[in-house]
Protein backbone atom coordinates (compact mmCIF):
# COMPACT_ATOMS: atom_id res chain seq x y z
CA MET A 1 6.97 -14.19 -5.61
CA ASP A 2 3.55 -15.58 -6.27
CA LEU A 3 0.44 -13.42 -5.51
CA LEU A 4 -0.51 -15.63 -2.51
CA THR A 5 2.74 -15.27 -0.94
CA PHE A 6 2.40 -11.47 -1.52
CA VAL A 7 -0.83 -11.30 0.12
CA ARG A 8 0.07 -13.44 3.15
CA TYR A 9 3.12 -11.26 3.70
CA PHE A 10 1.86 -7.67 2.84
CA ALA A 11 -1.84 -7.77 2.44
CA ASN A 12 -2.76 -9.67 5.73
CA SER A 13 -5.36 -7.05 6.91
CA PRO A 14 -8.21 -5.21 5.43
CA VAL A 15 -6.53 -1.91 5.99
CA ARG A 16 -3.17 -3.22 4.39
CA ARG A 17 -5.06 -4.46 1.51
CA ASP A 18 -6.80 -1.13 1.07
CA VAL A 19 -3.48 0.68 1.24
CA ILE A 20 -2.06 -1.52 -1.33
CA ALA A 21 -4.96 -1.13 -3.53
CA TYR A 22 -4.90 2.62 -3.24
CA PHE A 23 -1.08 2.46 -4.48
CA ALA A 24 -2.09 -0.12 -7.39
CA HIS A 25 -4.30 2.63 -9.13
CA ARG A 26 -1.65 5.40 -8.21
CA LEU A 27 1.74 3.68 -8.68
CA GLU A 28 3.49 7.06 -8.89
CA ALA A 29 1.66 8.58 -5.86
CA VAL A 30 3.45 10.27 -3.16
CA THR A 31 0.88 10.99 -0.43
CA THR A 32 0.07 11.20 3.06
CA ALA A 33 -1.56 8.65 5.59
CA ARG A 34 -4.51 11.12 5.89
CA ASP A 35 -5.26 11.14 2.09
CA VAL A 36 -5.24 7.41 1.91
CA ALA A 37 -7.46 7.11 5.21
CA LEU A 38 -9.91 9.58 3.64
CA ARG A 39 -9.93 7.77 0.32
CA THR A 40 -10.23 4.30 1.81
CA GLY A 41 -12.73 5.03 4.78
CA HIS A 42 -10.36 3.55 7.44
CA ARG A 43 -9.36 5.54 10.74
CA LEU A 44 -6.14 7.68 10.30
CA GLN A 45 -4.31 6.06 13.13
CA ALA A 46 -4.89 2.48 11.52
CA VAL A 47 -3.63 3.59 8.23
CA GLN A 48 -0.84 5.24 9.64
CA ASP A 49 0.15 2.10 11.71
CA GLU A 50 -0.16 -0.15 8.58
CA MET A 51 1.78 2.33 6.31
CA ASP A 52 4.52 2.40 8.67
CA ASP A 53 4.81 -1.26 8.82
CA LEU A 54 4.85 -1.67 5.01
CA VAL A 55 7.83 0.81 5.23
CA LEU A 56 9.50 -1.60 7.63
CA LEU A 57 8.57 -4.67 5.06
CA GLY A 58 10.04 -2.65 2.26
CA LEU A 59 6.92 -2.04 0.16
CA LEU A 60 6.63 1.68 0.74
CA GLU A 61 9.19 4.34 1.41
CA VAL A 62 8.84 7.28 3.42
CA GLU A 63 10.22 10.94 3.75
CA GLY A 64 9.39 13.41 6.30
CA LYS A 65 8.31 13.24 10.02
CA GLY A 66 5.22 13.39 11.96
CA GLU A 67 2.27 14.64 10.07
CA GLU A 68 4.46 15.85 7.13
CA ARG A 69 5.50 11.96 6.36
CA ARG A 70 4.75 11.30 2.60
CA TYR A 71 4.81 7.70 1.44
CA ARG A 72 5.28 6.05 -1.97
CA LEU A 73 5.74 2.65 -3.52
CA ALA A 74 9.34 1.22 -3.34
CA GLU A 75 10.99 0.94 -6.55
CA ASP A 76 11.28 -2.71 -6.53
CA ALA A 77 9.94 -3.99 -9.67
CA CYS A 78 8.93 -7.35 -8.38
CA LEU A 79 6.90 -5.70 -5.60
CA ARG A 80 5.46 -3.31 -8.03
CA ARG A 81 4.11 -5.90 -10.33
CA MET A 82 2.66 -7.68 -7.20
CA VAL A 83 0.86 -4.59 -6.07
CA GLN A 84 -0.39 -4.13 -9.84
CA ARG A 85 -1.64 -7.86 -9.70
CA LEU A 86 -3.49 -7.33 -6.49
CA GLY A 87 -5.32 -4.21 -7.93
CA ASN A 88 -6.41 -6.19 -10.84
CA CYS A 89 -7.94 -8.56 -8.46
CA TYR A 90 -9.68 -5.54 -7.00
CA ARG A 91 -11.02 -4.47 -10.24
CA ASP A 92 -12.23 -8.03 -11.07
CA GLU A 93 -9.62 -8.59 -13.88
CA GLU A 94 -7.36 -11.25 -14.18
CA CYS A 95 -5.34 -12.18 -10.93
């Protein structure tokens, strides 16, 4: 998968891009939507909805229910590389 395809499929909204950027800088993070919302400045419900969509798309994994849900990047090596590449673009490094 190339970066443009990844962005079109997974990072097609400002909230999703910021969620993915959050994980790009914390590849091993296990976190809540509340923490991501606080760090990105987006509304909690918007972040929760987008993170749940990213679970359905296979980019994130989730455990727990309700407010106890904890998210992490899926183990797929190709997707993780794309997350890192997008994160590099956010840091003005080579895309």
